[in-house]
Amino acid sequence: MATKKDKWLQLIEFLVIGIVMGVLEDVIAIMLATDVSFSWRIVFVAFFVALPFAFFSELIVDHPRFWEIFGKGEKKALNIK
């Protein structure tokens, strides 16, 4: 059984990975969609854009019971038993 420390460590690990991947994705999109050259200002802006999405993904979607709860709501909406 995972301890509370292990859960926090996993949360932080995936949050950092989510932020890094989000920033990388945003920087690539900015570079391809605009004519700007690379600068740390772009990385800074991309970081603040990626941060809320990483938090949302980690705390809500990656919650162990999210799909169980989401699935129940979907079944109720479709009248499936």
N, C-alpha and C. Protein backbone atom coordinates (compact mmCIF):
# COMPACT_ATOMS: atom_id res chain seq x y z
N MET A 1 0.84 -1.19 0.00
CA MET A 1 0.00 0.00 0.00
C MET A 1 0.88 1.25 0.00
N ALA A 2 0.53 2.19 -0.81
CA ALA A 2 1.31 3.42 -0.94
C ALA A 2 1.10 4.32 0.27
N THR A 3 2.19 4.88 0.73
CA THR A 3 2.10 5.80 1.85
C THR A 3 1.72 7.19 1.34
N LYS A 4 1.40 8.05 2.29
CA LYS A 4 1.03 9.42 1.92
C LYS A 4 2.20 10.13 1.23
N LYS A 5 3.42 9.85 1.70
CA LYS A 5 4.61 10.45 1.09
C LYS A 5 4.76 9.98 -0.35
N ASP A 6 4.51 8.69 -0.60
CA ASP A 6 4.60 8.16 -1.96
C ASP A 6 3.58 8.80 -2.88
N LYS A 7 2.38 9.03 -2.36
CA LYS A 7 1.33 9.66 -3.17
C LYS A 7 1.71 11.09 -3.53
N TRP A 8 2.25 11.84 -2.56
CA TRP A 8 2.67 13.21 -2.82
C TRP A 8 3.82 13.25 -3.82
N LEU A 9 4.75 12.31 -3.67
CA LEU A 9 5.88 12.24 -4.59
C LEU A 9 5.41 11.95 -6.01
N GLN A 10 4.45 11.05 -6.15
CA GLN A 10 3.90 10.73 -7.46
C GLN A 10 3.15 11.93 -8.04
N LEU A 11 2.39 12.63 -7.20
CA LEU A 11 1.67 13.82 -7.64
C LEU A 11 2.63 14.87 -8.18
N ILE A 12 3.69 15.14 -7.43
CA ILE A 12 4.66 16.15 -7.84
C ILE A 12 5.40 15.71 -9.10
N GLU A 13 5.74 14.41 -9.16
CA GLU A 13 6.44 13.88 -10.33
C GLU A 13 5.61 14.08 -11.60
N PHE A 14 4.34 13.69 -11.57
CA PHE A 14 3.51 13.82 -12.75
C PHE A 14 3.17 15.28 -13.04
N LEU A 15 3.07 16.11 -12.01
CA LEU A 15 2.82 17.53 -12.22
C LEU A 15 3.99 18.17 -12.95
N VAL A 16 5.20 17.86 -12.53
CA VAL A 16 6.39 18.41 -13.18
C VAL A 16 6.46 17.93 -14.63
N ILE A 17 6.22 16.64 -14.84
CA ILE A 17 6.23 16.11 -16.21
C ILE A 17 5.16 16.79 -17.05
N GLY A 18 3.97 16.99 -16.48
CA GLY A 18 2.90 17.67 -17.20
C GLY A 18 3.25 19.10 -17.56
N ILE A 19 3.90 19.80 -16.65
CA ILE A 19 4.30 21.18 -16.92
C ILE A 19 5.37 21.22 -18.01
N VAL A 20 6.36 20.35 -17.91
CA VAL A 20 7.43 20.32 -18.91
C VAL A 20 6.87 19.99 -20.29
N MET A 21 6.02 18.97 -20.36
CA MET A 21 5.44 18.59 -21.65
C MET A 21 4.54 19.71 -22.19
N GLY A 22 3.78 20.35 -21.31
CA GLY A 22 2.91 21.45 -21.74
C GLY A 22 3.70 22.63 -22.27
N VAL A 23 4.78 22.98 -21.58
CA VAL A 23 5.63 24.09 -22.03
C VAL A 23 6.27 23.75 -23.37
N LEU A 24 6.79 22.55 -23.48
CA LEU A 24 7.42 22.14 -24.74
C LEU A 24 6.42 22.18 -25.89
N GLU A 25 5.23 21.66 -25.65
CA GLU A 25 4.18 21.67 -26.66
C GLU A 25 3.80 23.10 -27.07
N ASP A 26 3.64 23.97 -26.08
CA ASP A 26 3.27 25.36 -26.36
C ASP A 26 4.37 26.10 -27.12
N VAL A 27 5.61 25.88 -26.74
CA VAL A 27 6.72 26.55 -27.42
C VAL A 27 6.79 26.09 -28.88
N ILE A 28 6.62 24.79 -29.10
CA ILE A 28 6.62 24.29 -30.48
C ILE A 28 5.48 24.91 -31.28
N ALA A 29 4.29 24.98 -30.69
CA ALA A 29 3.14 25.57 -31.38
C ALA A 29 3.38 27.04 -31.69
N ILE A 30 3.94 27.78 -30.74
CA ILE A 30 4.21 29.20 -30.96
C ILE A 30 5.24 29.38 -32.08
N MET A 31 6.28 28.56 -32.05
CA MET A 31 7.33 28.67 -33.06
C MET A 31 6.81 28.33 -34.46
N LEU A 32 5.93 27.35 -34.56
CA LEU A 32 5.40 26.96 -35.86
C LEU A 32 4.31 27.91 -36.37
N ALA A 33 3.55 28.51 -35.46
CA ALA A 33 2.42 29.34 -35.87
C ALA A 33 2.78 30.81 -36.07
N THR A 34 3.91 31.23 -35.54
CA THR A 34 4.29 32.64 -35.66
C THR A 34 5.69 32.75 -36.25
N ASP A 35 6.09 33.97 -36.50
CA ASP A 35 7.43 34.22 -37.05
C ASP A 35 8.45 34.60 -35.98
N VAL A 36 8.13 34.42 -34.73
CA VAL A 36 9.06 34.82 -33.67
C VAL A 36 10.18 33.81 -33.55
N SER A 37 11.32 34.30 -33.11
CA SER A 37 12.45 33.40 -32.84
C SER A 37 12.41 33.01 -31.36
N PHE A 38 13.13 31.97 -31.03
CA PHE A 38 13.12 31.47 -29.66
C PHE A 38 13.65 32.52 -28.70
N SER A 39 12.95 32.65 -27.57
CA SER A 39 13.43 33.50 -26.48
C SER A 39 12.90 32.94 -25.17
N TRP A 40 13.54 33.32 -24.10
CA TRP A 40 13.09 32.84 -22.79
C TRP A 40 11.75 33.43 -22.41
N ARG A 41 11.40 34.56 -23.01
CA ARG A 41 10.09 35.16 -22.75
C ARG A 41 8.98 34.24 -23.25
N ILE A 42 9.19 33.60 -24.40
CA ILE A 42 8.21 32.65 -24.93
C ILE A 42 8.05 31.47 -23.97
N VAL A 43 9.17 30.97 -23.45
CA VAL A 43 9.12 29.86 -22.50
C VAL A 43 8.38 30.29 -21.24
N PHE A 44 8.64 31.51 -20.78
CA PHE A 44 7.98 32.05 -19.59
C PHE A 44 6.46 32.12 -19.79
N VAL A 45 6.02 32.63 -20.91
CA VAL A 45 4.58 32.72 -21.22
C VAL A 45 3.99 31.32 -21.35
N ALA A 46 4.68 30.43 -22.05
CA ALA A 46 4.20 29.06 -22.22
C ALA A 46 4.07 28.35 -20.88
N PHE A 47 4.98 28.63 -19.95
CA PHE A 47 4.92 28.04 -18.62
C PHE A 47 3.63 28.44 -17.91
N PHE A 48 3.30 29.72 -17.96
CA PHE A 48 2.09 30.18 -17.27
C PHE A 48 0.81 29.74 -17.98
N VAL A 49 0.89 29.45 -19.26
CA VAL A 49 -0.26 28.89 -19.97
C VAL A 49 -0.42 27.41 -19.61
N ALA A 50 0.68 26.68 -19.51
CA ALA A 50 0.64 25.24 -19.25
C ALA A 50 0.32 24.91 -17.80
N LEU A 51 0.66 25.79 -16.88
CA LEU A 51 0.51 25.51 -15.45
C LEU A 51 -0.90 25.14 -15.02
N PRO A 52 -1.94 25.92 -15.35
CA PRO A 52 -3.28 25.52 -14.90
C PRO A 52 -3.76 24.21 -15.52
N PHE A 53 -3.37 23.95 -16.76
CA PHE A 53 -3.78 22.70 -17.39
C PHE A 53 -3.09 21.51 -16.74
N ALA A 54 -1.84 21.67 -16.34
CA ALA A 54 -1.13 20.58 -15.64
C ALA A 54 -1.78 20.32 -14.29
N PHE A 55 -2.15 21.37 -13.56
CA PHE A 55 -2.83 21.19 -12.27
C PHE A 55 -4.17 20.51 -12.47
N PHE A 56 -4.94 20.96 -13.44
CA PHE A 56 -6.25 20.36 -13.71
C PHE A 56 -6.09 18.89 -14.05
N SER A 57 -5.18 18.59 -14.93
CA SER A 57 -4.96 17.21 -15.35
C SER A 57 -4.54 16.34 -14.18
N GLU A 58 -3.64 16.81 -13.36
CA GLU A 58 -3.12 15.99 -12.27
C GLU A 58 -4.13 15.83 -11.14
N LEU A 59 -4.79 16.90 -10.75
CA LEU A 59 -5.66 16.83 -9.58
C LEU A 59 -7.05 16.31 -9.89
N ILE A 60 -7.53 16.51 -11.09
CA ILE A 60 -8.89 16.09 -11.43
C ILE A 60 -8.89 14.81 -12.27
N VAL A 61 -8.33 14.87 -13.45
CA VAL A 61 -8.42 13.75 -14.39
C VAL A 61 -7.62 12.54 -13.92
N ASP A 62 -6.46 12.76 -13.31
CA ASP A 62 -5.64 11.64 -12.86
C ASP A 62 -6.03 11.13 -11.48
N HIS A 63 -7.09 11.66 -10.91
CA HIS A 63 -7.57 11.16 -9.61
C HIS A 63 -8.00 9.71 -9.79
N PRO A 64 -7.67 8.84 -8.83
CA PRO A 64 -7.97 7.41 -8.99
C PRO A 64 -9.45 7.10 -9.23
N ARG A 65 -10.36 7.92 -8.72
CA ARG A 65 -11.79 7.63 -8.87
C ARG A 65 -12.46 8.46 -9.95
N PHE A 66 -11.70 9.25 -10.70
CA PHE A 66 -12.29 10.14 -11.69
C PHE A 66 -13.12 9.37 -12.71
N TRP A 67 -12.54 8.34 -13.32
CA TRP A 67 -13.24 7.62 -14.37
C TRP A 67 -14.41 6.83 -13.82
N GLU A 68 -14.29 6.38 -12.58
CA GLU A 68 -15.42 5.68 -11.96
C GLU A 68 -16.60 6.64 -11.78
N ILE A 69 -16.32 7.81 -11.27
CA ILE A 69 -17.37 8.82 -11.06
C ILE A 69 -17.89 9.33 -12.41
N PHE A 70 -16.98 9.62 -13.33
CA PHE A 70 -17.37 10.12 -14.65
C PHE A 70 -18.21 9.09 -15.39
N GLY A 71 -17.83 7.83 -15.31
CA GLY A 71 -18.56 6.76 -15.96
C GLY A 71 -19.97 6.61 -15.43
N LYS A 72 -20.15 6.76 -14.12
CA LYS A 72 -21.49 6.67 -13.52
C LYS A 72 -22.38 7.79 -14.04
N GLY A 73 -21.84 8.98 -14.13
CA GLY A 73 -22.62 10.10 -14.63
C GLY A 73 -23.01 9.90 -16.08
N GLU A 74 -22.12 9.32 -16.86
CA GLU A 74 -22.40 9.07 -18.27
C GLU A 74 -23.49 8.02 -18.41
N LYS A 75 -23.44 6.98 -17.58
CA LYS A 75 -24.46 5.94 -17.64
C LYS A 75 -25.83 6.50 -17.26
N LYS A 76 -25.86 7.38 -16.25
CA LYS A 76 -27.14 7.99 -15.85
C LYS A 76 -27.70 8.85 -16.99
N ALA A 77 -26.83 9.59 -17.66
CA ALA A 77 -27.28 10.47 -18.74
C ALA A 77 -27.84 9.66 -19.91
N LEU A 78 -27.31 8.47 -20.13
CA LEU A 78 -27.75 7.63 -21.24
C LEU A 78 -28.79 6.59 -20.81
N ASN A 79 -29.20 6.62 -19.54
CA ASN A 79 -30.15 5.65 -18.97
C ASN A 79 -29.69 4.21 -19.16
N ILE A 80 -28.41 3.95 -18.90
CA ILE A 80 -27.84 2.61 -18.99
C ILE A 80 -27.66 2.09 -17.57
N LYS A 81 -28.04 0.83 -17.37
CA LYS A 81 -27.88 0.25 -16.02
C LYS A 81 -26.82 -0.80 -16.02
